[in-house]
Amino acid sequence: HEGLPETLIRPVDGTEASILAGCSVGPGAWFPSARSVSGPEYVAALLDHGNIELRNQEAVMETSGEAPVVWCTGSAAKNALDWRGLHQIRGQLEVLKPIPGLNHAICFGHYLLPGDDCAVLGASYDHDDHDPEVREDTAEASLAIAQVAFPGLSMHRTGRSEEHTSEL
């Protein structure tokens, strides 16, 4: 955190971190202006924008003059683009029952996100793993890591898991 303004990031002890998170956590860093975004709501708003048009399942933004081009293809990017260093990473998310008091995202190597009707624990980070199936051993490993990070926090799976594959 050295050299960065405290308006961006500042260290917090366990007591302050717990107050900010709304549940018992250890010391960490606080990002005062950080926010979370609902992916489906954000994409819906983008697609509703007058300058964004959906073509052949590809979002295209047209502006006057030069503009950067963003092509989002998810795990298909590796096959579509010949970029060195691009490789597949499998990430599995765990959907948990709501965690009372959790009111901010918590990052600890993994992450824990609050929601209205659930919490999300994510994500595994498996390089060059092409298996799209949700795995029980991955779910158990993610939950074990979270329990070590937050021993007093009660986390229970809803039975839903989601697999996500991306390219880096």
N, C-alpha and C. Protein backbone atom coordinates (compact mmCIF):
# COMPACT_ATOMS: atom_id res chain seq x y z
N HIS A 1 0.81 -1.20 0.00
CA HIS A 1 0.00 0.00 0.00
C HIS A 1 0.85 1.27 0.00
N GLU A 2 2.15 1.05 0.14
CA GLU A 2 3.04 2.21 0.23
C GLU A 2 3.00 3.04 -1.03
N GLY A 3 2.94 4.35 -0.85
CA GLY A 3 2.96 5.26 -1.97
C GLY A 3 1.60 5.53 -2.59
N LEU A 4 0.59 4.78 -2.19
CA LEU A 4 -0.75 5.00 -2.74
C LEU A 4 -1.56 5.87 -1.77
N PRO A 5 -2.41 6.73 -2.29
CA PRO A 5 -3.20 7.60 -1.40
C PRO A 5 -4.21 6.79 -0.59
N GLU A 6 -4.44 7.22 0.65
CA GLU A 6 -5.38 6.52 1.52
C GLU A 6 -6.82 6.61 1.01
N THR A 7 -7.09 7.55 0.12
CA THR A 7 -8.42 7.61 -0.49
C THR A 7 -8.64 6.44 -1.44
N LEU A 8 -7.55 5.81 -1.88
CA LEU A 8 -7.63 4.66 -2.77
C LEU A 8 -7.57 3.35 -1.98
N ILE A 9 -6.58 3.23 -1.07
CA ILE A 9 -6.39 2.01 -0.30
C ILE A 9 -5.68 2.36 1.00
N ARG A 10 -6.12 1.71 2.08
CA ARG A 10 -5.42 1.92 3.35
C ARG A 10 -5.49 0.65 4.18
N PRO A 11 -4.44 0.41 4.98
CA PRO A 11 -4.45 -0.78 5.83
C PRO A 11 -5.46 -0.63 6.97
N VAL A 12 -6.07 -1.74 7.35
CA VAL A 12 -6.98 -1.74 8.49
C VAL A 12 -6.66 -2.94 9.37
N ASP A 13 -6.81 -2.75 10.68
CA ASP A 13 -6.59 -3.88 11.59
C ASP A 13 -7.84 -4.76 11.59
N GLY A 14 -7.77 -5.88 12.29
CA GLY A 14 -8.87 -6.83 12.30
C GLY A 14 -10.18 -6.25 12.81
N THR A 15 -10.10 -5.40 13.83
CA THR A 15 -11.31 -4.81 14.39
C THR A 15 -12.01 -3.92 13.38
N GLU A 16 -11.24 -3.01 12.77
CA GLU A 16 -11.84 -2.11 11.78
C GLU A 16 -12.31 -2.88 10.55
N ALA A 17 -11.51 -3.85 10.12
CA ALA A 17 -11.89 -4.66 8.95
C ALA A 17 -13.22 -5.38 9.22
N SER A 18 -13.39 -5.91 10.42
CA SER A 18 -14.63 -6.61 10.77
C SER A 18 -15.83 -5.67 10.77
N ILE A 19 -15.63 -4.46 11.28
CA ILE A 19 -16.71 -3.47 11.28
C ILE A 19 -17.08 -3.12 9.84
N LEU A 20 -16.09 -2.89 9.00
CA LEU A 20 -16.34 -2.52 7.60
C LEU A 20 -17.01 -3.65 6.82
N ALA A 21 -16.55 -4.90 7.04
CA ALA A 21 -17.08 -6.04 6.30
C ALA A 21 -18.45 -6.47 6.81
N GLY A 22 -18.73 -6.19 8.08
CA GLY A 22 -19.99 -6.61 8.66
C GLY A 22 -19.94 -7.99 9.25
N CYS A 23 -18.77 -8.60 9.30
CA CYS A 23 -18.59 -9.91 9.90
C CYS A 23 -17.13 -10.02 10.36
N SER A 24 -16.83 -11.03 11.12
CA SER A 24 -15.51 -11.17 11.71
C SER A 24 -14.48 -11.58 10.67
N VAL A 25 -13.49 -10.70 10.43
CA VAL A 25 -12.40 -10.99 9.51
C VAL A 25 -11.11 -10.49 10.14
N GLY A 26 -9.99 -10.82 9.55
CA GLY A 26 -8.69 -10.38 10.05
C GLY A 26 -8.28 -9.06 9.43
N PRO A 27 -7.04 -8.66 9.69
CA PRO A 27 -6.55 -7.40 9.13
C PRO A 27 -6.46 -7.48 7.61
N GLY A 28 -6.46 -6.32 6.98
CA GLY A 28 -6.38 -6.32 5.53
C GLY A 28 -6.24 -4.92 4.99
N ALA A 29 -6.77 -4.72 3.81
CA ALA A 29 -6.73 -3.43 3.16
C ALA A 29 -8.15 -2.99 2.85
N TRP A 30 -8.41 -1.72 2.98
CA TRP A 30 -9.73 -1.16 2.70
C TRP A 30 -9.63 -0.27 1.47
N PHE A 31 -10.50 -0.52 0.52
CA PHE A 31 -10.60 0.28 -0.69
C PHE A 31 -11.86 1.13 -0.55
N PRO A 32 -11.75 2.35 -0.01
CA PRO A 32 -12.94 3.15 0.31
C PRO A 32 -13.89 3.40 -0.86
N SER A 33 -13.38 3.50 -2.06
CA SER A 33 -14.26 3.81 -3.18
C SER A 33 -14.62 2.59 -4.02
N ALA A 34 -14.25 1.40 -3.57
CA ALA A 34 -14.55 0.19 -4.34
C ALA A 34 -16.05 -0.11 -4.32
N ARG A 35 -16.53 -0.65 -5.41
CA ARG A 35 -17.94 -1.03 -5.53
C ARG A 35 -18.03 -2.37 -6.23
N SER A 36 -19.14 -3.05 -6.05
CA SER A 36 -19.37 -4.27 -6.80
C SER A 36 -20.44 -4.01 -7.85
N VAL A 37 -20.44 -4.83 -8.88
CA VAL A 37 -21.35 -4.66 -10.00
C VAL A 37 -22.05 -5.98 -10.25
N SER A 38 -23.33 -5.92 -10.50
CA SER A 38 -24.08 -7.10 -10.91
C SER A 38 -23.83 -7.31 -12.39
N GLY A 39 -23.14 -8.39 -12.73
CA GLY A 39 -22.81 -8.67 -14.13
C GLY A 39 -24.01 -8.65 -15.06
N PRO A 40 -25.07 -9.41 -14.76
CA PRO A 40 -26.23 -9.42 -15.66
C PRO A 40 -26.87 -8.04 -15.82
N GLU A 41 -26.97 -7.28 -14.72
CA GLU A 41 -27.57 -5.95 -14.81
C GLU A 41 -26.68 -5.00 -15.61
N TYR A 42 -25.37 -5.12 -15.43
CA TYR A 42 -24.43 -4.26 -16.15
C TYR A 42 -24.49 -4.54 -17.66
N VAL A 43 -24.47 -5.80 -18.03
CA VAL A 43 -24.53 -6.17 -19.45
C VAL A 43 -25.86 -5.72 -20.06
N ALA A 44 -26.95 -5.91 -19.32
CA ALA A 44 -28.26 -5.47 -19.83
C ALA A 44 -28.27 -3.96 -20.07
N ALA A 45 -27.67 -3.19 -19.15
CA ALA A 45 -27.60 -1.74 -19.32
C ALA A 45 -26.74 -1.36 -20.51
N LEU A 46 -25.62 -2.06 -20.70
CA LEU A 46 -24.77 -1.79 -21.86
C LEU A 46 -25.51 -2.06 -23.16
N LEU A 47 -26.21 -3.18 -23.22
CA LEU A 47 -26.92 -3.54 -24.44
C LEU A 47 -28.10 -2.62 -24.71
N ASP A 48 -28.56 -1.92 -23.67
CA ASP A 48 -29.66 -0.99 -23.81
C ASP A 48 -29.17 0.40 -24.24
N HIS A 49 -27.84 0.58 -24.26
CA HIS A 49 -27.24 1.87 -24.61
C HIS A 49 -27.39 2.11 -26.12
N GLY A 50 -27.64 3.34 -26.49
CA GLY A 50 -27.87 3.69 -27.88
C GLY A 50 -26.68 3.46 -28.81
N ASN A 51 -25.45 3.46 -28.28
CA ASN A 51 -24.27 3.29 -29.12
C ASN A 51 -23.75 1.85 -29.15
N ILE A 52 -24.46 0.95 -28.52
CA ILE A 52 -24.03 -0.45 -28.50
C ILE A 52 -25.11 -1.29 -29.16
N GLU A 53 -24.68 -2.12 -30.09
CA GLU A 53 -25.59 -2.95 -30.86
C GLU A 53 -25.11 -4.39 -30.79
N LEU A 54 -26.04 -5.32 -30.66
CA LEU A 54 -25.69 -6.74 -30.63
C LEU A 54 -25.74 -7.28 -32.04
N ARG A 55 -24.59 -7.80 -32.53
CA ARG A 55 -24.51 -8.37 -33.88
C ARG A 55 -23.91 -9.76 -33.79
N ASN A 56 -24.65 -10.72 -34.31
CA ASN A 56 -24.14 -12.11 -34.35
C ASN A 56 -23.55 -12.53 -33.01
N GLN A 57 -24.24 -12.18 -31.95
CA GLN A 57 -23.83 -12.49 -30.59
C GLN A 57 -22.51 -11.85 -30.22
N GLU A 58 -22.16 -10.76 -30.87
CA GLU A 58 -20.97 -9.97 -30.52
C GLU A 58 -21.42 -8.54 -30.28
N ALA A 59 -21.08 -7.97 -29.13
CA ALA A 59 -21.43 -6.57 -28.87
C ALA A 59 -20.44 -5.68 -29.61
N VAL A 60 -20.96 -4.74 -30.36
CA VAL A 60 -20.13 -3.83 -31.15
C VAL A 60 -20.49 -2.41 -30.74
N MET A 61 -19.50 -1.59 -30.42
CA MET A 61 -19.75 -0.20 -30.08
C MET A 61 -19.30 0.67 -31.24
N GLU A 62 -20.20 1.49 -31.74
CA GLU A 62 -19.86 2.38 -32.85
C GLU A 62 -19.85 3.82 -32.33
N THR A 63 -18.77 4.52 -32.60
CA THR A 63 -18.69 5.94 -32.25
C THR A 63 -18.11 6.67 -33.44
N SER A 64 -18.25 7.97 -33.42
CA SER A 64 -17.61 8.73 -34.49
C SER A 64 -16.14 8.88 -34.15
N GLY A 65 -15.28 8.82 -35.16
CA GLY A 65 -13.85 8.91 -34.92
C GLY A 65 -13.28 7.58 -34.49
N GLU A 66 -12.02 7.60 -34.08
CA GLU A 66 -11.36 6.37 -33.66
C GLU A 66 -11.79 5.99 -32.25
N ALA A 67 -11.98 4.71 -32.04
CA ALA A 67 -12.36 4.20 -30.73
C ALA A 67 -11.69 2.85 -30.53
N PRO A 68 -11.35 2.51 -29.31
CA PRO A 68 -10.79 1.17 -29.07
C PRO A 68 -11.84 0.10 -29.33
N VAL A 69 -11.40 -1.05 -29.72
CA VAL A 69 -12.29 -2.17 -29.98
C VAL A 69 -12.11 -3.19 -28.87
N VAL A 70 -13.19 -3.64 -28.29
CA VAL A 70 -13.15 -4.69 -27.27
C VAL A 70 -13.96 -5.86 -27.79
N TRP A 71 -13.32 -7.02 -27.85
CA TRP A 71 -13.99 -8.23 -28.32
C TRP A 71 -13.96 -9.21 -27.17
N CYS A 72 -15.10 -9.50 -26.59
CA CYS A 72 -15.18 -10.41 -25.44
C CYS A 72 -15.72 -11.74 -25.89
N THR A 73 -14.91 -12.78 -25.78
CA THR A 73 -15.35 -14.10 -26.23
C THR A 73 -15.24 -15.17 -25.17
N GLY A 74 -14.77 -14.84 -23.97
CA GLY A 74 -14.62 -15.84 -22.94
C GLY A 74 -13.57 -16.86 -23.31
N SER A 75 -13.83 -18.12 -23.00
CA SER A 75 -12.82 -19.15 -23.21
C SER A 75 -12.54 -19.42 -24.68
N ALA A 76 -13.41 -18.97 -25.58
CA ALA A 76 -13.17 -19.16 -27.02
C ALA A 76 -12.04 -18.27 -27.53
N ALA A 77 -11.61 -17.29 -26.74
CA ALA A 77 -10.57 -16.36 -27.20
C ALA A 77 -9.28 -17.10 -27.56
N LYS A 78 -8.96 -18.15 -26.83
CA LYS A 78 -7.73 -18.88 -27.11
C LYS A 78 -7.74 -19.45 -28.52
N ASN A 79 -8.87 -19.93 -28.96
CA ASN A 79 -8.98 -20.52 -30.30
C ASN A 79 -9.09 -19.45 -31.38
N ALA A 80 -9.69 -18.30 -31.04
CA ALA A 80 -9.94 -17.26 -32.04
C ALA A 80 -8.75 -16.34 -32.23
N LEU A 81 -7.92 -16.18 -31.23
CA LEU A 81 -6.80 -15.24 -31.29
C LEU A 81 -5.49 -15.99 -31.13
N ASP A 82 -4.51 -15.61 -31.87
CA ASP A 82 -3.20 -16.25 -31.78
C ASP A 82 -2.27 -15.36 -30.96
N TRP A 83 -2.54 -15.27 -29.66
CA TRP A 83 -1.72 -14.45 -28.78
C TRP A 83 -0.88 -15.36 -27.90
N ARG A 84 0.40 -15.05 -27.84
CA ARG A 84 1.28 -15.83 -26.97
C ARG A 84 0.95 -15.51 -25.52
N GLY A 85 1.01 -16.52 -24.70
CA GLY A 85 0.75 -16.34 -23.28
C GLY A 85 -0.71 -16.50 -22.90
N LEU A 86 -1.58 -16.58 -23.89
CA LEU A 86 -3.00 -16.75 -23.62
C LEU A 86 -3.24 -18.23 -23.30
N HIS A 87 -3.79 -18.50 -22.15
CA HIS A 87 -4.08 -19.88 -21.79
C HIS A 87 -5.36 -19.95 -20.98
N GLN A 88 -5.95 -21.12 -20.96
CA GLN A 88 -7.23 -21.31 -20.31
C GLN A 88 -7.06 -21.47 -18.81
N ILE A 89 -7.95 -20.83 -18.06
CA ILE A 89 -8.00 -20.97 -16.61
C ILE A 89 -9.43 -21.29 -16.23
N ARG A 90 -9.60 -22.38 -15.51
CA ARG A 90 -10.93 -22.79 -15.06
C ARG A 90 -11.17 -22.21 -13.68
N GLY A 91 -12.33 -21.60 -13.50
CA GLY A 91 -12.71 -21.06 -12.20
C GLY A 91 -14.08 -21.55 -11.83
N GLN A 92 -14.21 -22.10 -10.63
CA GLN A 92 -15.50 -22.58 -10.16
C GLN A 92 -15.94 -21.71 -9.00
N LEU A 93 -17.18 -21.23 -9.08
CA LEU A 93 -17.76 -20.40 -8.03
C LEU A 93 -18.69 -21.24 -7.17
N GLU A 94 -18.73 -20.93 -5.89
CA GLU A 94 -19.64 -21.62 -4.98
C GLU A 94 -20.72 -20.65 -4.53
N VAL A 95 -21.97 -21.04 -4.69
CA VAL A 95 -23.08 -20.22 -4.24
C VAL A 95 -23.41 -20.65 -2.81
N LEU A 96 -23.31 -19.69 -1.88
CA LEU A 96 -23.53 -19.95 -0.46
C LEU A 96 -24.84 -19.33 -0.01
N LYS A 97 -25.35 -19.85 1.10
CA LYS A 97 -26.50 -19.19 1.72
C LYS A 97 -26.05 -17.80 2.17
N PRO A 98 -26.98 -16.84 2.24
CA PRO A 98 -26.58 -15.49 2.65
C PRO A 98 -25.81 -15.52 3.98
N ILE A 99 -24.82 -14.66 4.09
CA ILE A 99 -24.02 -14.57 5.31
C ILE A 99 -24.46 -13.31 6.05
N PRO A 100 -25.15 -13.48 7.17
CA PRO A 100 -25.66 -12.31 7.89
C PRO A 100 -24.54 -11.31 8.21
N GLY A 101 -24.80 -10.07 7.89
CA GLY A 101 -23.85 -9.01 8.20
C GLY A 101 -22.83 -8.73 7.11
N LEU A 102 -22.58 -9.70 6.23
CA LEU A 102 -21.59 -9.48 5.16
C LEU A 102 -22.13 -8.41 4.22
N ASN A 103 -21.47 -7.25 4.18
CA ASN A 103 -21.99 -6.16 3.36
C ASN A 103 -20.97 -5.60 2.39
N HIS A 104 -19.78 -6.22 2.32
CA HIS A 104 -18.76 -5.80 1.36
C HIS A 104 -18.03 -7.02 0.84
N ALA A 105 -17.50 -6.91 -0.36
CA ALA A 105 -16.67 -7.98 -0.91
C ALA A 105 -15.41 -8.10 -0.07
N ILE A 106 -14.96 -9.33 0.13
CA ILE A 106 -13.74 -9.60 0.88
C ILE A 106 -12.82 -10.42 -0.02
N CYS A 107 -11.59 -9.96 -0.19
CA CYS A 107 -10.61 -10.68 -1.00
C CYS A 107 -9.55 -11.26 -0.08
N PHE A 108 -9.20 -12.51 -0.31
CA PHE A 108 -8.23 -13.19 0.54
C PHE A 108 -7.47 -14.26 -0.25
N GLY A 109 -7.14 -13.96 -1.47
CA GLY A 109 -6.62 -14.97 -2.39
C GLY A 109 -7.78 -15.51 -3.21
N HIS A 110 -8.86 -15.82 -2.57
CA HIS A 110 -10.16 -16.06 -3.21
C HIS A 110 -10.97 -14.79 -2.95
N TYR A 111 -12.28 -14.86 -3.10
CA TYR A 111 -13.11 -13.72 -2.74
C TYR A 111 -14.46 -14.20 -2.25
N LEU A 112 -15.08 -13.38 -1.43
CA LEU A 112 -16.40 -13.65 -0.88
C LEU A 112 -17.25 -12.42 -1.17
N LEU A 113 -18.34 -12.61 -1.90
CA LEU A 113 -19.18 -11.50 -2.33
C LEU A 113 -20.56 -11.60 -1.70
N PRO A 114 -21.06 -10.51 -1.12
CA PRO A 114 -22.42 -10.53 -0.57
C PRO A 114 -23.45 -10.41 -1.69
N GLY A 115 -24.64 -10.87 -1.42
CA GLY A 115 -25.75 -10.73 -2.36
C GLY A 115 -27.05 -10.68 -1.59
N ASP A 116 -28.13 -10.39 -2.28
CA ASP A 116 -29.43 -10.30 -1.62
C ASP A 116 -29.92 -11.66 -1.14
N ASP A 117 -29.81 -12.67 -1.99
CA ASP A 117 -30.35 -13.98 -1.64
C ASP A 117 -29.28 -15.06 -1.53
N CYS A 118 -28.01 -14.67 -1.65
CA CYS A 118 -26.92 -15.64 -1.55
C CYS A 118 -25.61 -14.88 -1.37
N ALA A 119 -24.56 -15.62 -1.11
CA ALA A 119 -23.20 -15.08 -1.15
C ALA A 119 -22.46 -15.92 -2.17
N VAL A 120 -21.40 -15.38 -2.76
CA VAL A 120 -20.64 -16.13 -3.76
C VAL A 120 -19.20 -16.22 -3.29
N LEU A 121 -18.67 -17.43 -3.30
CA LEU A 121 -17.28 -17.71 -2.95
C LEU A 121 -16.57 -18.09 -4.24
N GLY A 122 -15.49 -17.40 -4.52
CA GLY A 122 -14.79 -17.71 -5.76
C GLY A 122 -13.32 -17.46 -5.60
N ALA A 123 -12.69 -17.76 -6.56
CA ALA A 123 -12.98 -18.85 -7.47
C ALA A 123 -11.74 -19.73 -7.50
N SER A 124 -11.95 -20.97 -7.89
CA SER A 124 -10.78 -21.80 -8.12
C SER A 124 -10.00 -21.20 -9.28
N TYR A 125 -8.77 -21.61 -9.46
CA TYR A 125 -7.90 -20.99 -10.47
C TYR A 125 -7.04 -22.11 -11.04
N ASP A 126 -7.61 -22.86 -11.97
CA ASP A 126 -6.97 -24.07 -12.48
C ASP A 126 -6.49 -23.84 -13.91
N HIS A 127 -5.16 -23.74 -14.07
CA HIS A 127 -4.56 -23.48 -15.39
C HIS A 127 -4.74 -24.67 -16.33
N ASP A 128 -5.01 -24.35 -17.59
CA ASP A 128 -5.12 -25.34 -18.67
C ASP A 128 -6.04 -26.50 -18.33
N ASP A 129 -7.10 -26.22 -17.62
CA ASP A 129 -8.10 -27.22 -17.28
C ASP A 129 -9.32 -26.95 -18.16
N HIS A 130 -9.68 -27.89 -19.00
CA HIS A 130 -10.75 -27.69 -19.98
C HIS A 130 -12.05 -28.36 -19.56
N ASP A 131 -12.10 -28.97 -18.40
CA ASP A 131 -13.28 -29.69 -17.96
C ASP A 131 -14.36 -28.70 -17.51
N PRO A 132 -15.52 -28.68 -18.16
CA PRO A 132 -16.57 -27.73 -17.80
C PRO A 132 -17.45 -28.17 -16.63
N GLU A 133 -17.25 -29.38 -16.13
CA GLU A 133 -18.12 -29.90 -15.08
C GLU A 133 -17.80 -29.29 -13.72
N VAL A 134 -18.84 -29.08 -12.94
CA VAL A 134 -18.68 -28.63 -11.56
C VAL A 134 -18.15 -29.81 -10.76
N ARG A 135 -17.14 -29.55 -9.93
CA ARG A 135 -16.49 -30.63 -9.18
C ARG A 135 -16.67 -30.45 -7.67
N GLU A 136 -17.02 -31.52 -7.03
CA GLU A 136 -17.20 -31.50 -5.57
C GLU A 136 -15.88 -31.24 -4.86
N ASP A 137 -14.77 -31.82 -5.34
CA ASP A 137 -13.48 -31.62 -4.67
C ASP A 137 -13.04 -30.15 -4.77
N THR A 138 -13.36 -29.49 -5.88
CA THR A 138 -13.03 -28.07 -6.03
C THR A 138 -13.87 -27.24 -5.06
N ALA A 139 -15.15 -27.58 -4.93
CA ALA A 139 -16.04 -26.88 -4.00
C ALA A 139 -15.52 -27.03 -2.57
N GLU A 140 -15.16 -28.23 -2.19
CA GLU A 140 -14.67 -28.48 -0.84
C GLU A 140 -13.36 -27.74 -0.57
N ALA A 141 -12.47 -27.69 -1.56
CA ALA A 141 -11.19 -27.00 -1.39
C ALA A 141 -11.41 -25.49 -1.22
N SER A 142 -12.29 -24.90 -2.02
CA SER A 142 -12.58 -23.47 -1.89
C SER A 142 -13.18 -23.15 -0.53
N LEU A 143 -14.10 -23.98 -0.08
CA LEU A 143 -14.73 -23.78 1.23
C LEU A 143 -13.71 -23.93 2.35
N ALA A 144 -12.81 -24.89 2.23
CA ALA A 144 -11.77 -25.09 3.25
C ALA A 144 -10.85 -23.87 3.34
N ILE A 145 -10.46 -23.30 2.20
CA ILE A 145 -9.62 -22.11 2.19
C ILE A 145 -10.34 -20.95 2.87
N ALA A 146 -11.63 -20.79 2.57
CA ALA A 146 -12.41 -19.71 3.18
C ALA A 146 -12.56 -19.92 4.69
N GLN A 147 -12.75 -21.16 5.12
CA GLN A 147 -12.90 -21.44 6.56
C GLN A 147 -11.62 -21.15 7.32
N VAL A 148 -10.46 -21.39 6.69
CA VAL A 148 -9.18 -21.06 7.32
C VAL A 148 -9.03 -19.54 7.42
N ALA A 149 -9.43 -18.83 6.36
CA ALA A 149 -9.32 -17.37 6.36
C ALA A 149 -10.28 -16.73 7.35
N PHE A 150 -11.46 -17.31 7.52
CA PHE A 150 -12.50 -16.74 8.40
C PHE A 150 -13.07 -17.84 9.29
N PRO A 151 -12.31 -18.26 10.31
CA PRO A 151 -12.73 -19.41 11.13
C PRO A 151 -14.05 -19.22 11.86
N GLY A 152 -14.45 -18.00 12.16
CA GLY A 152 -15.70 -17.79 12.88
C GLY A 152 -16.89 -17.56 11.99
N LEU A 153 -16.68 -17.53 10.69
CA LEU A 153 -17.75 -17.20 9.75
C LEU A 153 -18.46 -18.47 9.30
N SER A 154 -19.76 -18.48 9.45
CA SER A 154 -20.56 -19.65 9.07
C SER A 154 -20.89 -19.58 7.59
N MET A 155 -20.41 -20.57 6.83
CA MET A 155 -20.65 -20.62 5.39
C MET A 155 -21.28 -21.96 5.03
N HIS A 156 -22.41 -21.90 4.33
CA HIS A 156 -23.12 -23.11 3.93
C HIS A 156 -23.48 -23.04 2.46
N ARG A 157 -23.17 -24.09 1.74
CA ARG A 157 -23.48 -24.13 0.31
C ARG A 157 -24.98 -24.30 0.09
N THR A 158 -25.45 -23.73 -1.00
CA THR A 158 -26.86 -23.88 -1.37
C THR A 158 -27.07 -25.12 -2.22
N GLY A 159 -25.96 -25.70 -2.67
CA GLY A 159 -26.06 -26.83 -3.58
C GLY A 159 -25.84 -26.42 -5.02
N ARG A 160 -25.77 -25.11 -5.27
CA ARG A 160 -25.51 -24.61 -6.62
C ARG A 160 -24.03 -24.24 -6.71
N SER A 161 -23.41 -24.64 -7.78
CA SER A 161 -22.05 -24.22 -8.10
C SER A 161 -22.06 -23.81 -9.55
N GLU A 162 -21.11 -22.98 -9.92
CA GLU A 162 -21.03 -22.58 -11.32
C GLU A 162 -19.59 -22.66 -11.76
N GLU A 163 -19.39 -23.18 -12.96
CA GLU A 163 -18.06 -23.27 -13.55
C GLU A 163 -17.90 -22.10 -14.51
N HIS A 164 -16.74 -21.49 -14.46
CA HIS A 164 -16.46 -20.38 -15.36
C HIS A 164 -15.04 -20.58 -15.90
N THR A 165 -14.91 -20.46 -17.19
CA THR A 165 -13.61 -20.59 -17.83
C THR A 165 -13.27 -19.28 -18.51
N SER A 166 -12.07 -18.82 -18.32
CA SER A 166 -11.66 -17.57 -18.98
C SER A 166 -10.25 -17.73 -19.53
N GLU A 167 -9.83 -16.73 -20.24
CA GLU A 167 -8.50 -16.75 -20.84
C GLU A 167 -7.66 -15.66 -20.21
N LEU A 168 -6.41 -15.96 -19.96
CA LEU A 168 -5.44 -14.95 -19.51
C LEU A 168 -4.21 -15.05 -20.37
